[in-house]
Amino acid sequence: MAKRFDFQNSFRTKKDRYGYFFKFSVRNGSASENGGIKSDSLYRELTKLSPLDTENNKLKVQVWQENASNFYDFRKVQFMQFFNLVSKRIDSTRSRDFRLGINTSGGMNDLWFSDEIADSNYFARFGIVVPDSTPVRDKSHLIYSKNEMFIKAENIIGSATIIAGGNVNYYDYTSYITQNKFHESSAYLKLNNINIGVVRLNAVGEIGIDGYNSDGHRLRLDANYETNNLDITLSGKSQKTLPEYKAINYAGNHVAWNNDFNLCETSGVYGQIEWKKFKLSLSGEYELNDNYVYYGSNTQPIQYNASFSRHYIELKKKIVLGSYHFDFSIVNQEVSNEAPVYLADWIGVISFYYQRFLFKGALELRYGIDYWQHSQYYAQSYSPFTRSFVYQDTYSVGDFPWINFYISARIKSAQGFVNFQNIGQFVFRENYMMVPDYAMQDFGVSFGLRWDFYN
């Protein structure tokens, strides 16, 4: 169940000397923590067995966990305004502008986990003993204020844009039994669309000044070269920050920690080359990590003090033969030094579809098959009461196909589709897991129709 509400308003003066944007948004809802298998045919099959009989059901998971639920309530107000200090017309489409911008936002985030059964196996799964007489609830309440001020100079040198500014943020974080207040401030510089010959550069640098990430920094540089048939991108990054605040301080009803972690460091390079004529692209990334923070199998945060690297390579190809389209991509990735990070070594995605325009282009018809599969690996397990993914090395997921068949059509402003989801389940019946204990969706049929009433 989910609810959403948005209200927004914007205004600009005639000569663009002043403008503002205002938005208020609400997001709230709940999710039943039953492993995703309560209300489909798979659940009905498993409930014929004992709840803890994991050896005789096809997915090897526990069932009857429908009493636990996660709730969330997010509310946010944003007010952004600008003052055009200097404006000089260059041509009919461009002007040289100096703007002062102020962006203020604030909000409240409430999260809580509730379980009517005190001896929930959610806690036992992570080695946590819950007394039968104790209600199982974990809550967190966050009030925050984010304030940004910047100077923006557009079209100063050619089409270049320069932005210099700073952030001052305040947080009041209350968990089940503790309250913590903290702040952070930083300064940044952004350079966009800097042309050096045939190469276009974008860069951003941010340094911590005071508070939570006072010794941190974030740097990134992107270079792009593009012709009619070739597109090359090279990027480099360096980042030194503390992990999310929840990993530093958390106090729930049954789990709590207070950590003094070192700054996490990440640096790496990324490259991509695309041959437009051949509809072929090759991309890759190499990344170094130090002081990596992860959540252990008992949900406690751990800092991994050894360095490790991660790389991935992806190849994409599109083939068009008349009305037939064949798209595929293949990914290889790996982590070094036996780090506490597991990734699927191989990922393959194939999309084959037929597309044709009939009746002088009035009707667009498409039907096809999407196929996705990755190799087996130890996916992180999910801890619903702390809302974090935790390390595990006993249950592997993957090495099964996920196949969808669909038909779609468009006639002028009317569009419709029928989708047959997970048709491979009729053949491959075991280990349909996205994460341990959370099954993928069963076979199903979905359809939709959209009709816009205009010519």
Protein backbone atom coordinates (compact mmCIF):
# COMPACT_ATOMS: atom_id res chain seq x y z
CA MET A 1 0.00 0.00 0.00
CA ALA A 2 1.36 3.42 -0.93
CA LYS A 3 0.02 6.98 -0.98
CA ARG A 4 1.45 9.98 -2.78
CA PHE A 5 0.61 13.70 -2.76
CA ASP A 6 2.39 16.55 -4.58
CA PHE A 7 1.76 20.26 -4.83
CA GLN A 8 4.05 22.62 -6.69
CA ASN A 9 4.10 26.17 -7.98
CA SER A 10 6.61 28.25 -9.93
CA PHE A 11 6.96 31.86 -11.06
CA ARG A 12 9.29 33.96 -13.24
CA THR A 13 9.25 37.68 -13.91
CA LYS A 14 8.92 38.94 -17.48
CA LYS A 15 12.62 39.61 -18.02
CA ASP A 16 13.72 36.59 -15.97
CA ARG A 17 15.14 38.78 -13.22
CA TYR A 18 13.60 36.70 -10.45
CA GLY A 19 11.99 33.30 -10.16
CA TYR A 20 11.03 30.66 -7.63
CA PHE A 21 9.95 27.05 -7.45
CA PHE A 22 7.95 25.64 -4.54
CA LYS A 23 7.05 22.00 -3.91
CA PHE A 24 5.40 20.10 -1.09
CA SER A 25 5.32 16.29 -1.24
CA VAL A 26 4.09 13.44 0.94
CA ARG A 27 4.97 9.75 0.55
CA ASN A 28 3.62 7.19 2.99
CA GLY A 29 2.61 3.57 3.04
CA SER A 30 3.42 0.11 4.33
CA ALA A 31 4.78 -3.22 3.12
CA SER A 32 4.01 -6.64 4.56
CA GLU A 33 7.30 -8.40 5.31
CA ASN A 34 6.27 -11.90 4.26
CA GLY A 35 9.05 -12.59 1.80
CA GLY A 36 6.89 -11.53 -1.12
CA ILE A 37 5.08 -14.90 -1.35
CA LYS A 38 1.94 -14.52 0.74
CA SER A 39 -0.71 -13.97 -1.93
CA ASP A 40 0.37 -15.94 -4.98
CA SER A 41 0.19 -19.58 -6.07
CA LEU A 42 3.64 -20.30 -4.69
CA TYR A 43 2.55 -19.30 -1.17
CA ARG A 44 -0.55 -21.49 -1.37
CA GLU A 45 1.65 -24.43 -2.33
CA LEU A 46 4.08 -23.84 0.52
CA THR A 47 1.43 -23.44 3.20
CA LYS A 48 0.57 -27.10 2.80
CA LEU A 49 3.86 -27.73 4.59
CA SER A 50 5.09 -26.77 8.02
CA PRO A 51 6.21 -23.09 8.23
CA LEU A 52 9.78 -24.14 9.02
CA ASP A 53 9.95 -27.03 6.56
CA THR A 54 12.54 -25.53 4.24
CA GLU A 55 13.70 -28.87 2.81
CA ASN A 56 10.46 -29.86 1.08
CA ASN A 57 9.32 -26.63 -0.54
CA LYS A 58 10.72 -25.72 -3.91
CA LEU A 59 12.25 -22.39 -2.86
CA LYS A 60 13.79 -23.56 0.43
CA VAL A 61 12.32 -20.61 2.38
CA GLN A 62 10.34 -20.12 5.55
CA VAL A 63 6.74 -18.98 5.23
CA TRP A 64 3.88 -17.59 7.38
CA GLN A 65 5.67 -14.33 8.14
CA GLU A 66 2.74 -12.07 7.31
CA ASN A 67 2.46 -10.46 10.77
CA ALA A 68 5.49 -8.18 10.31
CA SER A 69 5.14 -4.88 8.45
CA ASN A 70 7.29 -1.90 7.52
CA PHE A 71 5.78 1.58 7.56
CA TYR A 72 7.11 4.85 6.18
CA ASP A 73 5.99 8.48 6.14
CA PHE A 74 8.10 11.03 4.23
CA ARG A 75 7.19 14.73 4.06
CA LYS A 76 9.26 17.38 2.28
CA VAL A 77 9.04 21.10 1.53
CA GLN A 78 11.35 22.73 -1.03
CA PHE A 79 11.67 26.42 -1.92
CA MET A 80 14.20 27.38 -4.59
CA GLN A 81 14.65 30.95 -5.87
CA PHE A 82 17.06 32.85 -8.09
CA PHE A 83 18.00 36.49 -8.64
CA ASN A 84 19.46 37.42 -12.04
CA LEU A 85 22.16 39.93 -11.10
CA VAL A 86 23.53 40.62 -14.59
CA SER A 87 22.10 39.61 -17.97
CA LYS A 88 23.50 40.44 -21.43
CA ARG A 89 21.98 39.09 -24.64
CA ILE A 90 24.48 37.25 -26.90
CA ASP A 91 22.09 36.16 -29.65
CA SER A 92 18.46 35.12 -30.07
CA THR A 93 18.90 31.93 -28.01
CA ARG A 94 21.69 32.70 -25.52
CA SER A 95 22.44 35.30 -22.88
CA ARG A 96 25.36 35.87 -20.52
CA ASP A 97 23.88 35.60 -17.01
CA PHE A 98 25.14 35.93 -13.45
CA ARG A 99 22.61 34.45 -11.02
CA LEU A 100 22.36 34.15 -7.27
CA GLY A 101 20.48 31.03 -6.25
CA ILE A 102 19.08 29.95 -2.88
CA ASN A 103 17.69 26.47 -2.38
CA THR A 104 16.10 25.59 0.96
CA SER A 105 14.42 22.30 1.78
CA GLY A 106 13.25 20.63 4.94
CA GLY A 107 11.37 17.56 5.87
CA MET A 108 10.51 14.71 8.18
CA ASN A 109 11.10 10.99 7.65
CA ASP A 110 9.39 8.43 9.89
CA LEU A 111 10.20 4.72 9.59
CA TRP A 112 9.01 1.91 11.83
CA PHE A 113 8.90 -1.87 11.86
CA SER A 114 6.13 -3.72 13.70
CA ASP A 115 5.63 -7.42 14.37
CA GLU A 116 2.66 -8.79 16.29
CA ILE A 117 4.55 -12.01 17.07
CA ALA A 118 7.40 -11.44 19.50
CA ASP A 119 9.42 -14.53 18.51
CA SER A 120 9.57 -13.52 14.86
CA ASN A 121 12.04 -15.56 12.85
CA TYR A 122 13.22 -12.32 11.26
CA PHE A 123 15.34 -11.74 14.35
CA ALA A 124 16.35 -15.39 14.80
CA ARG A 125 17.62 -15.42 11.21
CA PHE A 126 20.29 -12.86 12.22
CA GLY A 127 21.20 -14.55 15.50
CA ILE A 128 19.17 -12.13 17.66
CA VAL A 129 17.17 -13.53 20.58
CA VAL A 130 13.86 -11.75 21.24
CA PRO A 131 12.04 -12.47 24.57
CA ASP A 132 8.52 -13.71 24.00
CA SER A 133 7.10 -11.03 26.28
CA THR A 134 8.75 -8.14 24.43
CA PRO A 135 6.97 -6.35 21.55
CA VAL A 136 9.05 -6.21 18.39
CA ARG A 137 9.26 -2.62 17.15
CA ASP A 138 12.06 -0.54 15.69
CA LYS A 139 11.51 3.12 14.91
CA SER A 140 13.45 6.09 13.55
CA HIS A 141 12.46 9.73 13.19
CA LEU A 142 14.50 12.24 11.16
CA ILE A 143 13.95 16.01 10.88
CA TYR A 144 16.28 17.79 8.50
CA SER A 145 17.00 21.17 6.94
CA LYS A 146 19.18 21.57 3.84
CA ASN A 147 20.36 25.01 2.74
CA GLU A 148 22.31 25.82 -0.41
CA MET A 149 23.52 29.13 -1.83
CA PHE A 150 25.35 29.48 -5.15
CA ILE A 151 26.51 31.87 -7.85
CA LYS A 152 25.93 30.66 -11.41
CA ALA A 153 27.63 32.18 -14.45
CA GLU A 154 26.31 31.02 -17.85
CA ASN A 155 27.92 31.42 -21.29
CA ILE A 156 30.96 33.21 -19.87
CA ILE A 157 33.49 31.45 -22.10
CA GLY A 158 31.67 30.05 -25.09
CA SER A 159 28.82 27.90 -23.76
CA ALA A 160 30.56 27.14 -20.45
CA THR A 161 28.72 27.32 -17.13
CA ILE A 162 30.48 27.91 -13.80
CA ILE A 163 28.72 27.31 -10.47
CA ALA A 164 30.28 28.05 -7.08
CA GLY A 165 28.38 27.50 -3.87
CA GLY A 166 28.06 25.93 -0.47
CA ASN A 167 25.77 23.73 1.63
CA VAL A 168 24.82 23.92 5.30
CA ASN A 169 22.64 21.02 6.50
CA TYR A 170 21.14 20.19 9.91
CA TYR A 171 19.75 16.84 11.10
CA ASP A 172 17.87 15.72 14.21
CA TYR A 173 17.83 11.90 14.27
CA THR A 174 15.81 10.00 16.87
CA SER A 175 15.85 6.21 17.00
CA TYR A 176 13.99 3.98 19.42
CA ILE A 177 15.78 5.07 22.60
CA THR A 178 18.29 7.80 21.62
CA GLN A 179 18.40 11.23 20.01
CA ASN A 180 21.32 12.70 18.05
CA LYS A 181 21.80 16.07 16.40
CA PHE A 182 24.48 16.75 13.83
CA HIS A 183 25.30 19.12 10.99
CA GLU A 184 27.55 19.34 7.96
CA SER A 185 28.79 22.12 5.70
CA SER A 186 30.71 22.04 2.42
CA ALA A 187 31.80 24.19 -0.52
CA TYR A 188 31.75 23.17 -4.17
CA LEU A 189 32.71 24.26 -7.68
CA LYS A 190 31.14 22.92 -10.91
CA LEU A 191 32.38 23.45 -14.46
CA ASN A 192 30.04 22.40 -17.29
CA ASN A 193 30.50 22.37 -21.07
CA ILE A 194 34.13 23.47 -21.10
CA ASN A 195 35.29 22.99 -24.71
CA ILE A 196 38.99 22.37 -25.34
CA GLY A 197 39.32 21.78 -29.06
CA VAL A 198 37.07 18.84 -29.93
CA VAL A 199 36.80 17.64 -26.31
CA ARG A 200 34.03 18.71 -23.92
CA LEU A 201 34.80 18.68 -20.19
CA ASN A 202 32.59 18.61 -17.08
CA ALA A 203 34.06 18.73 -13.60
CA VAL A 204 32.84 18.95 -10.00
CA GLY A 205 34.75 19.31 -6.76
CA GLU A 206 33.38 19.47 -3.22
CA ILE A 207 35.21 19.67 0.10
CA GLY A 208 33.92 19.36 3.65
CA ILE A 209 34.31 22.40 5.89
CA ASP A 210 32.70 21.51 9.21
CA GLY A 211 30.59 18.85 10.87
CA TYR A 212 29.91 15.29 9.76
CA ASN A 213 32.14 15.15 6.66
CA SER A 214 34.53 17.96 7.57
CA ASP A 215 37.57 16.00 6.30
CA GLY A 216 35.86 14.57 3.23
CA HIS A 217 35.94 15.46 -0.45
CA ARG A 218 34.36 14.51 -3.77
CA LEU A 219 36.03 15.02 -7.16
CA ARG A 220 34.92 14.00 -10.65
CA LEU A 221 36.11 14.82 -14.17
CA ASP A 222 34.33 13.76 -17.39
CA ALA A 223 35.75 14.17 -20.91
CA ASN A 224 33.70 13.53 -24.05
CA TYR A 225 34.64 13.40 -27.72
CA GLU A 226 31.84 12.93 -30.26
CA THR A 227 31.59 12.75 -34.05
CA ASN A 228 28.83 11.54 -36.38
CA ASN A 229 29.94 7.91 -35.98
CA LEU A 230 31.96 7.82 -32.75
CA ASP A 231 31.28 8.78 -29.13
CA ILE A 232 34.06 8.40 -26.52
CA THR A 233 33.72 9.19 -22.81
CA LEU A 234 36.44 9.02 -20.14
CA SER A 235 35.85 9.75 -16.46
CA GLY A 236 37.83 9.80 -13.25
CA LYS A 237 36.63 10.10 -9.66
CA SER A 238 37.94 10.36 -6.11
CA GLN A 239 35.76 10.35 -3.01
CA LYS A 240 36.50 10.35 0.71
CA THR A 241 33.45 10.39 3.01
CA LEU A 242 31.98 8.81 6.10
CA PRO A 243 29.34 6.10 5.56
CA GLU A 244 25.63 6.82 6.03
CA TYR A 245 24.82 8.09 9.51
CA LYS A 246 22.82 4.96 10.38
CA ALA A 247 26.06 2.94 10.19
CA ILE A 248 27.62 5.28 12.77
CA ASN A 249 24.82 5.46 15.30
CA TYR A 250 21.65 3.38 15.66
CA ALA A 251 19.57 2.29 18.64
CA GLY A 252 16.64 -0.01 17.98
CA ASN A 253 14.63 -2.07 20.39
CA HIS A 254 16.87 -5.14 19.97
CA VAL A 255 19.95 -3.99 18.05
CA ALA A 256 22.14 -0.95 18.71
CA TRP A 257 25.61 0.36 17.89
CA ASN A 258 27.79 3.45 18.23
CA ASN A 259 30.80 3.37 15.88
CA ASP A 260 33.84 5.53 15.26
CA PHE A 261 34.69 4.67 11.65
CA ASN A 262 37.44 6.06 9.44
CA LEU A 263 36.58 7.84 6.22
CA CYS A 264 35.73 5.52 3.32
CA GLU A 265 37.84 6.11 0.20
CA THR A 266 36.88 5.33 -3.39
CA SER A 267 38.72 6.19 -6.59
CA GLY A 268 38.34 4.92 -10.11
CA VAL A 269 38.23 5.42 -13.85
CA TYR A 270 35.42 4.80 -16.33
CA GLY A 271 35.43 4.63 -20.11
CA GLN A 272 32.92 4.07 -22.88
CA ILE A 273 33.25 3.96 -26.65
CA GLU A 274 30.27 3.76 -28.98
CA TRP A 275 30.36 3.02 -32.70
CA LYS A 276 27.06 4.53 -33.87
CA LYS A 277 27.20 3.09 -37.39
CA PHE A 278 27.52 -0.45 -36.06
CA LYS A 279 25.17 0.11 -33.07
CA LEU A 280 27.92 -1.25 -30.83
CA SER A 281 29.27 0.03 -27.50
CA LEU A 282 31.90 -1.13 -25.03
CA SER A 283 32.21 0.30 -21.51
CA GLY A 284 34.17 -0.53 -18.39
CA GLU A 285 35.11 0.70 -14.94
CA TYR A 286 37.95 0.03 -12.51
CA GLU A 287 37.51 1.10 -8.90
CA LEU A 288 39.68 0.99 -5.76
CA ASN A 289 38.08 0.93 -2.29
CA ASP A 290 39.53 1.40 1.17
CA ASN A 291 37.84 1.35 4.61
CA TYR A 292 34.66 -0.05 3.07
CA VAL A 293 31.70 -0.27 5.51
CA TYR A 294 29.12 -3.05 5.25
CA TYR A 295 26.48 -4.68 7.46
CA GLY A 296 27.53 -8.06 8.84
CA SER A 297 25.36 -11.16 9.09
CA ASN A 298 24.22 -10.06 12.60
CA THR A 299 23.13 -6.64 11.13
CA GLN A 300 26.05 -4.84 12.86
CA PRO A 301 28.09 -2.43 10.67
CA ILE A 302 31.70 -3.50 10.04
CA GLN A 303 34.58 -1.56 8.52
CA TYR A 304 36.75 -3.64 6.17
CA ASN A 305 40.25 -2.25 6.64
CA ALA A 306 41.92 -3.91 3.64
CA SER A 307 41.88 -2.37 0.17
CA PHE A 308 40.14 -4.10 -2.71
CA SER A 309 39.31 -3.40 -6.32
CA ARG A 310 36.19 -3.87 -8.43
CA HIS A 311 35.88 -3.93 -12.19
CA TYR A 312 33.17 -4.45 -14.76
CA ILE A 313 33.07 -4.64 -18.55
CA GLU A 314 29.87 -4.37 -20.60
CA LEU A 315 29.32 -5.02 -24.29
CA LYS A 316 26.11 -3.88 -26.03
CA LYS A 317 24.99 -4.58 -29.58
CA LYS A 318 21.83 -3.78 -31.57
CA ILE A 319 20.89 -5.57 -34.77
CA VAL A 320 18.05 -4.42 -37.04
CA LEU A 321 16.85 -6.62 -39.93
CA GLY A 322 13.84 -4.93 -41.46
CA SER A 323 11.11 -5.02 -38.82
CA TYR A 324 13.06 -7.38 -36.54
CA HIS A 325 15.15 -5.98 -33.69
CA PHE A 326 17.72 -7.91 -31.66
CA ASP A 327 19.38 -6.16 -28.69
CA PHE A 328 21.75 -7.81 -26.26
CA SER A 329 24.23 -6.90 -23.57
CA ILE A 330 26.68 -8.95 -21.54
CA VAL A 331 28.43 -7.88 -18.35
CA ASN A 332 31.46 -9.31 -16.56
CA GLN A 333 32.36 -8.04 -13.09
CA GLU A 334 34.65 -9.09 -10.26
CA VAL A 335 35.84 -8.04 -6.80
CA SER A 336 39.39 -8.75 -5.60
CA ASN A 337 41.05 -9.81 -2.32
CA GLU A 338 38.11 -11.84 -0.99
CA ALA A 339 36.36 -8.64 0.05
CA PRO A 340 32.93 -8.93 1.75
CA VAL A 341 31.20 -7.99 -1.51
CA TYR A 342 29.61 -10.58 -3.76
CA LEU A 343 28.58 -9.83 -7.34
CA ALA A 344 27.29 -11.97 -10.16
CA ASP A 345 30.28 -12.72 -12.40
CA TRP A 346 28.13 -12.65 -15.56
CA ILE A 347 24.90 -10.88 -16.49
CA GLY A 348 23.18 -11.33 -19.83
CA VAL A 349 20.17 -9.45 -21.22
CA ILE A 350 18.57 -10.22 -24.59
CA SER A 351 15.60 -8.44 -26.16
CA PHE A 352 14.08 -9.70 -29.42
CA TYR A 353 11.05 -7.96 -30.85
CA TYR A 354 9.14 -7.33 -34.07
CA GLN A 355 8.08 -3.77 -34.79
CA ARG A 356 6.08 -2.58 -37.77
CA PHE A 357 3.98 0.42 -38.80
CA LEU A 358 0.77 -0.36 -40.66
CA PHE A 359 -2.01 1.65 -42.33
CA LYS A 360 0.30 4.49 -43.38
CA GLY A 361 1.86 4.70 -39.93
CA ALA A 362 -1.43 4.90 -38.04
CA LEU A 363 -0.86 1.55 -36.30
CA GLU A 364 2.37 0.62 -34.52
CA LEU A 365 2.55 -3.09 -33.65
CA ARG A 366 5.25 -4.67 -31.51
CA TYR A 367 5.65 -8.07 -29.92
CA GLY A 368 8.72 -9.71 -28.46
CA ILE A 369 10.58 -11.56 -25.72
CA ASP A 370 12.86 -10.19 -23.00
CA TYR A 371 15.38 -12.61 -21.50
CA TRP A 372 17.56 -11.87 -18.46
CA GLN A 373 19.92 -14.14 -16.52
CA HIS A 374 22.94 -13.87 -14.22
CA SER A 375 25.36 -16.37 -12.73
CA GLN A 376 24.99 -17.66 -9.18
CA TYR A 377 26.35 -15.58 -6.32
CA TYR A 378 25.76 -14.90 -2.63
CA ALA A 379 23.32 -12.01 -2.72
CA GLN A 380 22.99 -9.87 0.38
CA SER A 381 20.19 -10.78 2.75
CA TYR A 382 17.62 -8.18 3.82
CA SER A 383 17.08 -7.10 7.43
CA PRO A 384 13.60 -5.50 7.53
CA PHE A 385 13.83 -4.09 11.05
CA THR A 386 16.99 -2.06 10.28
CA ARG A 387 16.09 -1.66 6.57
CA SER A 388 19.54 -2.68 5.40
CA PHE A 389 21.11 -5.38 3.25
CA VAL A 390 23.52 -7.58 5.19
CA TYR A 391 26.38 -9.90 4.26
CA GLN A 392 25.77 -13.64 3.96
CA ASP A 393 27.77 -16.46 2.35
CA THR A 394 25.55 -19.53 2.77
CA TYR A 395 22.67 -19.13 0.28
CA SER A 396 23.33 -18.47 -3.40
CA VAL A 397 20.81 -17.04 -5.84
CA GLY A 398 20.65 -16.75 -9.62
CA ASP A 399 21.53 -18.98 -12.58
CA PHE A 400 17.93 -19.10 -13.78
CA PRO A 401 16.26 -17.30 -16.71
CA TRP A 402 13.71 -14.53 -16.31
CA ILE A 403 11.59 -14.41 -19.47
CA ASN A 404 8.74 -12.08 -20.40
CA PHE A 405 6.61 -12.14 -23.57
CA TYR A 406 4.65 -9.04 -24.52
CA ILE A 407 2.44 -7.58 -27.25
CA SER A 408 1.83 -3.86 -27.60
CA ALA A 409 0.03 -1.65 -30.09
CA ARG A 410 -0.56 2.05 -30.70
CA ILE A 411 -3.31 3.59 -32.82
CA LYS A 412 -2.94 7.37 -32.92
CA SER A 413 -3.40 8.43 -29.27
CA ALA A 414 -4.51 5.01 -27.97
CA GLN A 415 -1.92 2.55 -26.59
CA GLY A 416 -2.33 -0.92 -25.13
CA PHE A 417 -0.23 -3.89 -24.04
CA VAL A 418 -0.42 -7.44 -22.71
CA ASN A 419 2.55 -8.83 -20.77
CA PHE A 420 3.13 -12.49 -19.84
CA GLN A 421 5.57 -12.36 -16.94
CA ASN A 422 8.07 -15.04 -15.91
CA ILE A 423 6.97 -17.68 -18.42
CA GLY A 424 10.16 -19.64 -17.66
CA GLN A 425 8.72 -20.63 -14.28
CA PHE A 426 6.85 -23.48 -15.97
CA VAL A 427 10.21 -25.15 -16.72
CA PHE A 428 12.62 -23.86 -14.06
CA ARG A 429 10.89 -24.38 -10.72
CA GLU A 430 13.62 -23.85 -8.11
CA ASN A 431 15.69 -21.04 -6.67
CA TYR A 432 13.61 -18.18 -8.03
CA MET A 433 15.20 -15.72 -5.63
CA MET A 434 16.03 -12.05 -5.95
CA VAL A 435 17.54 -11.95 -2.46
CA PRO A 436 17.54 -14.82 0.08
CA ASP A 437 14.04 -15.54 1.42
CA TYR A 438 12.42 -13.11 -1.05
CA ALA A 439 11.00 -14.94 -4.06
CA MET A 440 10.67 -13.45 -7.52
CA GLN A 441 7.13 -12.84 -8.74
CA ASP A 442 5.23 -15.87 -9.99
CA PHE A 443 3.93 -16.27 -13.54
CA GLY A 444 1.29 -13.67 -14.27
CA VAL A 445 -0.50 -11.71 -16.97
CA SER A 446 -0.79 -7.94 -16.91
CA PHE A 447 -2.43 -5.62 -19.39
CA GLY A 448 -3.07 -1.93 -19.78
CA LEU A 449 -4.78 0.65 -21.97
CA ARG A 450 -4.12 4.36 -22.37
CA TRP A 451 -6.21 6.70 -24.51
CA ASP A 452 -5.46 10.40 -24.75
CA PHE A 453 -8.51 12.34 -25.98
CA TYR A 454 -6.95 14.82 -28.40
CA ASN A 455 -6.11 14.91 -32.10
